[in-house]
Amino acid sequence: MSHNNTFAVSRFENRNGVTSWRVDGRLHGLRIRRNFKTREAAAAEKDALELKALQAAAGLHVATTFLAEDQLREAESVFCRLAGRPRSLTCYVDYALVNYREPERDVSLATAMDEYLASKRKEHDQTLLSERQLRSIKYELESFKTRFPAFTLAQFSAAPLITYLERGAPSLKTYNNRRGVLSTFFKFAYRKDWIVTNPIEKTPHHRISHRRGSAVTITAEQAARLMAHLETFRDGVLVPYFALCLFAGIRPSVLCGEIMKLRPEHVRLDTGVIHIEPEVAKVRMKRLVTIQPNLAAWLRAYPLDRLPIIPTNAPKIRRKVFKMFGLTHDVLRHTFISMFVAKFRSMGEAALQAGNSESIIRKHYLDLKSKDEAERFFCIVPQRCSSTTPAVATMFDSASAPTLEVAV
């Protein structure tokens, strides 16, 4: 304690002959001198003055308050945290009182998922969400629930979510896809007031700088071998499916693609057009696909009033054919688009026929095929066709193609 802040108690004789006890000293340079009737009272004053001096030196103040000790300590902590901020404590408290929301109830993950999936199924029924998207959401959320079976929504923070998103060392695209599904789920929970913050916002989102390259396609000769072989299997039961995907670019997924929703009445041989209605199209926009002469020949030789577009047990049969000929998921559609661009040299028309943007056509399909190969491709017709147009399929011995044997 500073020498200037020391106090002494001494005996003092007043003029009237009464003895007093005097407290004498200085507090921050100010002279303090007080008289007390007893030595004990003077000693108590001395102690109080010295404590006040210590508090002043440490930046502390003596004040009367109705706050409890723990409340006073919390208030001091808050003021320390607000040091250097432009607003007062009252301003921040007023904002919190207006905007902060307590969760309405402690909702389990399973309960929240059930309500969220019900809303997504409703969107699917309203054609706002595709079957494939709905299936992906259900699959991801089921995996999420399996990982955290006993969690409530309030228990989730960024740390366990990051661990979940990074499971299995996924690619950046897979990580972002997982994060996207969980992000919409937690946003739904936030709007329902089940959580007060969205924990997914504190997880990283990866920027992917690479660009997709040219589309994977097959040659005209490979397409001819494929179609020639399909004519030999079970009286051509698979021909309509492959012909429509390969020569019209219909999206080929038998689970949720356009081909699954296409109906025979949409294929108009009389007008030479396939009507892809909004409920069929992936992008929910109607488009018209011109039936090329060779596709018309296939559909007359294997009419849709006799053969279904998608036969019974199609996923199993299709999978075996794809494996046998080394085909990838969208290779039939990619081949059609690239051959169309090569033959007609119109990216705009190709975009309209395929239901893509012109920029996508330019980026992935332009100059993949030559005009000569495209001409050969659109001359592939069935062997049972009576057309005088030479069929590229007859250039190959059907015995050279793999044999398809499937138990149906």
Protein backbone atom coordinates (compact mmCIF):
# COMPACT_ATOMS: atom_id res chain seq x y z
CA MET A 1 0.00 0.00 0.00
CA SER A 2 1.28 3.49 -0.85
CA HIS A 3 2.78 5.50 1.96
CA ASN A 4 0.30 8.28 1.15
CA ASN A 5 -2.61 5.94 1.93
CA THR A 6 -1.57 4.98 5.52
CA PHE A 7 -3.59 5.91 8.62
CA ALA A 8 -2.77 6.16 12.33
CA VAL A 9 -4.90 6.13 15.52
CA SER A 10 -3.81 8.47 18.32
CA ARG A 11 -5.16 9.85 21.63
CA PHE A 12 -6.47 13.43 21.39
CA GLU A 13 -7.47 15.88 24.19
CA ASN A 14 -10.30 18.22 23.23
CA ARG A 15 -10.55 21.81 24.59
CA ASN A 16 -13.45 20.83 26.81
CA GLY A 17 -11.29 18.23 28.47
CA VAL A 18 -12.92 15.20 26.80
CA THR A 19 -10.54 12.55 25.51
CA SER A 20 -11.09 11.32 21.87
CA TRP A 21 -9.35 8.87 19.55
CA ARG A 22 -8.28 10.38 16.25
CA VAL A 23 -7.82 8.65 12.89
CA ASP A 24 -5.34 10.64 10.84
CA GLY A 25 -3.89 10.04 7.36
CA ARG A 26 -4.12 10.74 3.63
CA LEU A 27 -6.18 9.03 0.91
CA HIS A 28 -4.87 9.79 -2.58
CA GLY A 29 -3.38 13.04 -1.38
CA LEU A 30 -6.39 14.24 0.60
CA ARG A 31 -5.97 14.77 4.37
CA ILE A 32 -8.46 12.79 6.45
CA ARG A 33 -8.80 13.45 10.21
CA ARG A 34 -11.73 12.05 12.22
CA ASN A 35 -12.38 11.78 15.99
CA PHE A 36 -14.12 8.86 17.76
CA LYS A 37 -15.19 8.40 21.36
CA THR A 38 -13.60 4.96 21.69
CA ARG A 39 -10.37 3.42 20.52
CA GLU A 40 -12.32 0.50 19.00
CA ALA A 41 -14.43 2.79 16.79
CA ALA A 42 -11.31 4.59 15.61
CA ALA A 43 -9.60 1.29 14.79
CA ALA A 44 -12.62 0.16 12.75
CA GLU A 45 -12.57 3.42 10.78
CA LYS A 46 -8.85 3.04 10.18
CA ASP A 47 -9.41 -0.46 8.73
CA ALA A 48 -12.28 0.75 6.53
CA LEU A 49 -10.22 3.61 5.13
CA GLU A 50 -7.26 1.35 4.38
CA LEU A 51 -9.57 -1.16 2.61
CA LYS A 52 -11.04 1.66 0.56
CA ALA A 53 -7.56 2.72 -0.40
CA LEU A 54 -6.72 -0.83 -1.52
CA GLN A 55 -9.91 -1.10 -3.59
CA ALA A 56 -9.26 2.22 -5.28
CA ALA A 57 -5.73 1.14 -6.12
CA ALA A 58 -7.06 -2.11 -7.70
CA GLY A 59 -9.83 -0.35 -9.63
CA LEU A 60 -12.57 -1.67 -7.33
CA HIS A 61 -15.49 0.32 -5.98
CA VAL A 62 -17.74 -0.03 -3.00
CA ALA A 63 -21.44 0.04 -3.89
CA THR A 64 -24.73 -1.07 -2.41
CA THR A 65 -26.47 -3.66 -4.61
CA PHE A 66 -29.35 -6.12 -4.44
CA LEU A 67 -27.45 -8.64 -6.61
CA ALA A 68 -26.29 -11.89 -5.10
CA GLU A 69 -22.59 -12.68 -5.10
CA ASP A 70 -22.77 -14.99 -8.18
CA GLN A 71 -24.95 -12.47 -10.05
CA LEU A 72 -22.48 -9.70 -9.29
CA ARG A 73 -19.58 -11.81 -10.55
CA GLU A 74 -21.52 -12.64 -13.79
CA ALA A 75 -22.28 -8.95 -14.33
CA GLU A 76 -18.61 -8.08 -13.92
CA SER A 77 -17.68 -10.85 -16.41
CA VAL A 78 -20.15 -9.54 -19.00
CA PHE A 79 -18.85 -5.99 -18.74
CA CYS A 80 -15.30 -7.27 -19.24
CA ARG A 81 -16.40 -9.11 -22.41
CA LEU A 82 -18.01 -5.94 -23.75
CA ALA A 83 -14.82 -3.92 -23.44
CA GLY A 84 -14.15 -2.09 -26.71
CA ARG A 85 -17.57 -2.78 -28.21
CA PRO A 86 -19.61 0.15 -29.54
CA ARG A 87 -22.89 -0.63 -27.76
CA SER A 88 -23.96 -0.75 -24.15
CA LEU A 89 -24.87 -3.88 -22.23
CA THR A 90 -28.52 -2.79 -22.27
CA CYS A 91 -28.49 -2.65 -26.09
CA TYR A 92 -27.19 -6.22 -26.39
CA VAL A 93 -29.62 -7.53 -23.78
CA ASP A 94 -32.56 -5.87 -25.56
CA TYR A 95 -31.52 -7.50 -28.86
CA ALA A 96 -31.24 -10.95 -27.25
CA LEU A 97 -34.66 -10.61 -25.62
CA VAL A 98 -36.24 -9.84 -28.99
CA ASN A 99 -34.40 -12.38 -31.16
CA TYR A 100 -33.42 -15.33 -28.98
CA ARG A 101 -35.76 -18.31 -29.10
CA GLU A 102 -35.78 -21.26 -26.78
CA PRO A 103 -36.48 -24.64 -28.41
CA GLU A 104 -40.16 -25.50 -28.10
CA ARG A 105 -39.37 -29.07 -27.10
CA ASP A 106 -36.51 -31.52 -26.93
CA VAL A 107 -37.14 -33.45 -30.17
CA SER A 108 -35.49 -36.80 -30.86
CA LEU A 109 -33.66 -37.32 -34.12
CA ALA A 110 -36.03 -40.12 -35.16
CA THR A 111 -39.14 -37.97 -34.58
CA ALA A 112 -37.69 -35.02 -36.47
CA MET A 113 -36.69 -37.27 -39.38
CA ASP A 114 -40.18 -38.73 -39.67
CA GLU A 115 -41.76 -35.29 -39.94
CA TYR A 116 -39.09 -34.03 -42.33
CA LEU A 117 -39.44 -37.05 -44.66
CA ALA A 118 -43.22 -36.62 -44.61
CA SER A 119 -42.75 -33.06 -45.90
CA LYS A 120 -40.38 -34.32 -48.62
CA ARG A 121 -42.84 -37.00 -49.70
CA LYS A 122 -45.46 -34.27 -50.02
CA GLU A 123 -43.08 -32.27 -52.24
CA HIS A 124 -42.56 -35.41 -54.32
CA ASP A 125 -46.32 -35.86 -54.70
CA GLN A 126 -46.52 -32.25 -55.88
CA THR A 127 -43.77 -33.01 -58.47
CA LEU A 128 -41.42 -30.57 -56.73
CA LEU A 129 -38.96 -33.34 -55.86
CA SER A 130 -37.85 -36.21 -58.08
CA GLU A 131 -37.96 -39.85 -57.04
CA ARG A 132 -34.20 -40.04 -57.19
CA GLN A 133 -33.77 -37.01 -54.92
CA LEU A 134 -36.27 -38.40 -52.41
CA ARG A 135 -34.51 -41.74 -52.36
CA SER A 136 -31.11 -40.08 -51.81
CA ILE A 137 -32.47 -38.02 -48.90
CA LYS A 138 -34.04 -41.09 -47.26
CA TYR A 139 -30.83 -43.11 -47.65
CA GLU A 140 -28.62 -40.39 -46.15
CA LEU A 141 -30.92 -39.71 -43.21
CA GLU A 142 -31.24 -43.41 -42.43
CA SER A 143 -27.45 -43.62 -42.27
CA PHE A 144 -27.42 -40.55 -40.04
CA LYS A 145 -29.98 -42.04 -37.66
CA THR A 146 -28.05 -45.32 -37.52
CA ARG A 147 -24.93 -43.40 -36.49
CA PHE A 148 -26.75 -41.39 -33.76
CA PRO A 149 -29.70 -43.56 -32.64
CA ALA A 150 -30.24 -41.97 -29.21
CA PHE A 151 -29.47 -38.32 -30.02
CA THR A 152 -31.87 -35.41 -29.73
CA LEU A 153 -31.52 -32.44 -32.07
CA ALA A 154 -30.23 -30.20 -29.29
CA GLN A 155 -27.23 -32.50 -28.75
CA PHE A 156 -25.70 -31.96 -32.18
CA SER A 157 -22.69 -29.71 -32.59
CA ALA A 158 -20.16 -29.23 -35.37
CA ALA A 159 -17.66 -31.81 -34.05
CA PRO A 160 -19.80 -34.99 -34.36
CA LEU A 161 -21.25 -33.75 -37.65
CA ILE A 162 -17.80 -33.31 -39.19
CA THR A 163 -16.82 -36.81 -38.04
CA TYR A 164 -19.96 -38.18 -39.66
CA LEU A 165 -19.48 -36.27 -42.92
CA GLU A 166 -15.86 -37.43 -43.23
CA ARG A 167 -16.58 -41.11 -42.57
CA GLY A 168 -14.98 -43.48 -45.03
CA ALA A 169 -12.63 -40.82 -46.49
CA PRO A 170 -15.20 -39.59 -49.08
CA SER A 171 -14.47 -37.48 -52.13
CA LEU A 172 -15.12 -33.75 -51.81
CA LYS A 173 -18.27 -34.08 -53.91
CA THR A 174 -19.62 -36.90 -51.72
CA TYR A 175 -18.82 -34.86 -48.60
CA ASN A 176 -20.67 -31.84 -49.99
CA ASN A 177 -23.65 -33.98 -50.99
CA ARG A 178 -23.91 -35.40 -47.46
CA ARG A 179 -23.60 -31.94 -45.99
CA GLY A 180 -26.31 -30.61 -48.33
CA VAL A 181 -28.85 -33.21 -47.16
CA LEU A 182 -28.12 -32.54 -43.48
CA SER A 183 -28.18 -28.79 -44.05
CA THR A 184 -31.74 -28.82 -45.40
CA PHE A 185 -32.79 -31.17 -42.58
CA PHE A 186 -31.44 -28.87 -39.85
CA LYS A 187 -32.89 -25.80 -41.57
CA PHE A 188 -36.27 -27.54 -41.41
CA ALA A 189 -35.72 -28.20 -37.68
CA TYR A 190 -34.71 -24.57 -37.13
CA ARG A 191 -37.90 -23.30 -38.78
CA LYS A 192 -39.87 -25.62 -36.51
CA ASP A 193 -38.14 -24.06 -33.45
CA TRP A 194 -36.70 -27.45 -32.47
CA ILE A 195 -33.19 -25.97 -32.35
CA VAL A 196 -31.96 -22.42 -31.70
CA THR A 197 -28.98 -22.59 -34.10
CA ASN A 198 -28.13 -24.65 -37.15
CA PRO A 199 -25.02 -26.71 -36.26
CA ILE A 200 -24.28 -27.54 -39.91
CA GLU A 201 -23.30 -23.90 -40.50
CA LYS A 202 -20.10 -24.47 -38.52
CA THR A 203 -19.00 -27.40 -40.71
CA PRO A 204 -16.76 -26.68 -43.73
CA HIS A 205 -18.04 -26.69 -47.30
CA HIS A 206 -15.44 -27.65 -49.91
CA ARG A 207 -14.97 -25.75 -53.15
CA ILE A 208 -14.47 -28.12 -56.08
CA SER A 209 -12.51 -26.50 -58.86
CA HIS A 210 -12.23 -29.37 -61.34
CA ARG A 211 -14.46 -29.51 -64.38
CA ARG A 212 -16.05 -32.53 -65.93
CA GLY A 213 -14.49 -33.68 -69.18
CA SER A 214 -16.02 -35.12 -72.33
CA ALA A 215 -18.95 -37.49 -71.96
CA VAL A 216 -18.35 -41.23 -72.13
CA THR A 217 -19.80 -42.71 -75.33
CA ILE A 218 -19.69 -45.84 -77.47
CA THR A 219 -18.88 -46.05 -81.18
CA ALA A 220 -21.37 -46.66 -83.98
CA GLU A 221 -19.95 -50.17 -84.40
CA GLN A 222 -20.40 -50.96 -80.70
CA ALA A 223 -23.96 -49.63 -80.86
CA ALA A 224 -24.66 -51.86 -83.87
CA ARG A 225 -23.33 -54.95 -82.09
CA LEU A 226 -25.38 -54.11 -79.02
CA MET A 227 -28.65 -53.74 -80.93
CA ALA A 228 -27.99 -56.82 -83.08
CA HIS A 229 -27.50 -58.88 -79.94
CA LEU A 230 -30.66 -57.52 -78.31
CA GLU A 231 -32.70 -58.76 -81.26
CA THR A 232 -31.61 -62.30 -80.42
CA PHE A 233 -32.65 -62.19 -76.77
CA ARG A 234 -36.20 -63.33 -75.91
CA ASP A 235 -37.74 -62.05 -79.11
CA GLY A 236 -36.37 -58.54 -78.61
CA VAL A 237 -37.93 -57.84 -75.21
CA LEU A 238 -35.22 -55.28 -74.40
CA VAL A 239 -35.19 -53.56 -77.80
CA PRO A 240 -37.72 -50.74 -77.06
CA TYR A 241 -35.86 -49.69 -73.91
CA PHE A 242 -32.41 -49.60 -75.55
CA ALA A 243 -33.68 -48.08 -78.80
CA LEU A 244 -35.39 -45.17 -77.04
CA CYS A 245 -32.39 -44.44 -74.81
CA LEU A 246 -29.77 -44.89 -77.55
CA PHE A 247 -31.52 -43.24 -80.52
CA ALA A 248 -33.64 -40.62 -78.69
CA GLY A 249 -31.51 -39.80 -75.62
CA ILE A 250 -34.22 -40.61 -73.05
CA ARG A 251 -32.69 -40.63 -69.55
CA PRO A 252 -32.18 -44.35 -68.91
CA SER A 253 -32.57 -45.06 -65.17
CA VAL A 254 -35.16 -47.81 -64.66
CA LEU A 255 -35.65 -46.66 -61.07
CA CYS A 256 -36.30 -42.94 -61.46
CA GLY A 257 -35.30 -41.86 -64.98
CA GLU A 258 -37.45 -40.48 -67.77
CA ILE A 259 -37.69 -43.91 -69.41
CA MET A 260 -39.48 -45.26 -66.33
CA LYS A 261 -42.26 -42.65 -66.65
CA LEU A 262 -42.53 -42.68 -70.44
CA ARG A 263 -45.78 -44.18 -71.75
CA PRO A 264 -46.44 -45.73 -75.18
CA GLU A 265 -48.91 -42.96 -76.01
CA HIS A 266 -46.08 -40.41 -75.63
CA VAL A 267 -44.28 -42.02 -78.59
CA ARG A 268 -46.10 -40.77 -81.70
CA LEU A 269 -44.89 -42.57 -84.80
CA ASP A 270 -47.67 -40.93 -86.80
CA THR A 271 -46.25 -37.45 -86.16
CA GLY A 272 -42.63 -38.54 -85.73
CA VAL A 273 -42.28 -37.02 -82.27
CA ILE A 274 -41.80 -38.28 -78.69
CA HIS A 275 -43.59 -36.06 -76.16
CA ILE A 276 -41.59 -35.75 -72.94
CA GLU A 277 -44.18 -34.27 -70.59
CA PRO A 278 -43.21 -32.19 -67.52
CA GLU A 279 -44.06 -35.07 -65.17
CA VAL A 280 -41.68 -37.26 -67.19
CA ALA A 281 -38.82 -34.81 -67.76
CA LYS A 282 -36.04 -34.52 -65.22
CA VAL A 283 -36.13 -30.71 -65.35
CA ARG A 284 -39.97 -30.57 -65.22
CA MET A 285 -40.18 -28.90 -68.64
CA LYS A 286 -41.93 -30.33 -71.68
CA ARG A 287 -39.77 -31.13 -74.68
CA LEU A 288 -40.25 -32.83 -78.04
CA VAL A 289 -37.77 -35.38 -79.37
CA THR A 290 -37.77 -36.00 -83.11
CA ILE A 291 -37.99 -39.70 -83.98
CA GLN A 292 -35.09 -40.35 -86.35
CA PRO A 293 -35.80 -42.71 -89.29
CA ASN A 294 -33.76 -45.56 -87.81
CA LEU A 295 -35.58 -45.27 -84.44
CA ALA A 296 -38.91 -45.37 -86.30
CA ALA A 297 -37.74 -48.59 -87.94
CA TRP A 298 -36.92 -50.14 -84.56
CA LEU A 299 -40.27 -49.13 -83.07
CA ARG A 300 -42.17 -50.55 -86.04
CA ALA A 301 -40.26 -53.81 -85.91
CA TYR A 302 -40.72 -54.01 -82.11
CA PRO A 303 -43.97 -52.08 -81.51
CA LEU A 304 -44.87 -50.74 -78.10
CA ASP A 305 -48.33 -52.25 -78.25
CA ARG A 306 -46.66 -55.67 -78.14
CA LEU A 307 -43.54 -55.05 -76.06
CA PRO A 308 -43.30 -52.90 -72.92
CA ILE A 309 -40.87 -50.00 -72.73
CA ILE A 310 -39.49 -51.50 -69.51
CA PRO A 311 -39.94 -55.27 -69.30
CA THR A 312 -40.43 -57.35 -66.19
CA ASN A 313 -37.25 -57.75 -64.14
CA ALA A 314 -35.69 -54.91 -66.13
CA PRO A 315 -33.10 -53.85 -63.51
CA LYS A 316 -31.53 -57.32 -63.40
CA ILE A 317 -31.53 -57.86 -67.16
CA ARG A 318 -30.28 -54.34 -67.87
CA ARG A 319 -27.47 -54.70 -65.37
CA LYS A 320 -26.24 -57.86 -67.05
CA VAL A 321 -26.36 -56.29 -70.52
CA PHE A 322 -24.49 -53.23 -69.31
CA LYS A 323 -21.81 -55.42 -67.74
CA MET A 324 -21.57 -57.64 -70.83
CA PHE A 325 -20.99 -54.71 -73.19
CA GLY A 326 -19.04 -52.53 -70.75
CA LEU A 327 -21.69 -49.81 -70.63
CA THR A 328 -21.85 -47.07 -68.00
CA HIS A 329 -24.96 -45.49 -66.51
CA ASP A 330 -25.67 -42.69 -69.03
CA VAL A 331 -23.60 -43.92 -71.97
CA LEU A 332 -26.64 -44.51 -74.21
CA ARG A 333 -27.88 -40.95 -73.76
CA HIS A 334 -24.36 -39.49 -74.08
CA THR A 335 -23.87 -41.39 -77.33
CA PHE A 336 -27.13 -40.08 -78.81
CA ILE A 337 -26.31 -36.45 -77.98
CA SER A 338 -22.76 -36.62 -79.34
CA MET A 339 -23.93 -38.35 -82.54
CA PHE A 340 -26.76 -35.81 -82.98
CA VAL A 341 -24.35 -32.87 -82.68
CA ALA A 342 -21.93 -34.50 -85.12
CA LYS A 343 -24.62 -35.15 -87.75
CA PHE A 344 -26.70 -31.99 -87.54
CA ARG A 345 -24.03 -29.53 -86.26
CA SER A 346 -26.56 -27.68 -84.12
CA MET A 347 -25.87 -27.36 -80.42
CA GLY A 348 -29.10 -25.43 -79.92
CA GLU A 349 -31.24 -28.16 -81.46
CA ALA A 350 -29.31 -30.84 -79.56
CA ALA A 351 -30.01 -28.96 -76.31
CA LEU A 352 -33.74 -28.84 -77.10
CA GLN A 353 -33.86 -32.53 -78.03
CA ALA A 354 -31.88 -33.68 -74.97
CA GLY A 355 -33.28 -31.30 -72.36
CA ASN A 356 -29.88 -29.75 -71.59
CA SER A 357 -28.48 -26.25 -71.80
CA GLU A 358 -26.47 -25.25 -74.85
CA SER A 359 -23.42 -24.62 -72.64
CA ILE A 360 -23.54 -28.23 -71.40
CA ILE A 361 -23.73 -29.49 -74.99
CA ARG A 362 -20.72 -27.38 -75.97
CA LYS A 363 -18.71 -28.40 -72.91
CA HIS A 364 -19.25 -32.17 -73.00
CA TYR A 365 -20.52 -33.30 -76.42
CA LEU A 366 -19.10 -31.08 -79.16
CA ASP A 367 -16.65 -32.75 -81.58
CA LEU A 368 -16.71 -36.13 -79.87
CA LYS A 369 -17.84 -37.87 -83.07
CA SER A 370 -17.20 -37.38 -86.77
CA LYS A 371 -19.99 -36.77 -89.27
CA ASP A 372 -19.27 -40.10 -90.99
CA GLU A 373 -19.58 -42.06 -87.73
CA ALA A 374 -22.80 -40.22 -86.90
CA GLU A 375 -24.23 -41.16 -90.30
CA ARG A 376 -23.39 -44.81 -89.62
CA PHE A 377 -24.96 -44.56 -86.17
CA PHE A 378 -28.28 -43.24 -87.46
CA CYS A 379 -28.34 -45.98 -90.12
CA ILE A 380 -28.47 -48.78 -87.52
CA VAL A 381 -31.79 -50.54 -88.14
CA PRO A 382 -33.18 -53.91 -87.08
CA GLN A 383 -32.41 -57.01 -89.08
CA ARG A 384 -36.08 -57.86 -89.34
CA CYS A 385 -36.71 -54.42 -90.87
CA SER A 386 -37.73 -54.44 -94.52
CA SER A 387 -36.28 -51.00 -95.21
CA THR A 388 -33.96 -50.66 -98.19
CA THR A 389 -31.59 -48.56 -96.11
CA PRO A 390 -28.44 -50.60 -95.42
CA ALA A 391 -28.35 -51.56 -91.77
CA VAL A 392 -25.04 -51.15 -90.03
CA ALA A 393 -26.14 -53.96 -87.73
CA THR A 394 -25.82 -56.41 -90.62
CA MET A 395 -22.12 -55.55 -90.90
CA PHE A 396 -21.49 -57.71 -87.85
CA ASP A 397 -22.07 -61.35 -87.26
CA SER A 398 -24.48 -61.64 -84.34
CA ALA A 399 -22.52 -64.65 -83.18
CA SER A 400 -19.60 -62.36 -82.37
CA ALA A 401 -21.65 -60.59 -79.71
CA PRO A 402 -21.80 -61.98 -76.12
CA THR A 403 -24.69 -64.25 -75.27
CA LEU A 404 -27.18 -63.01 -72.69
CA GLU A 405 -28.61 -65.67 -70.44
CA VAL A 406 -30.80 -64.39 -67.61
CA ALA A 407 -33.19 -66.33 -65.45
CA VAL A 408 -36.38 -64.28 -65.23
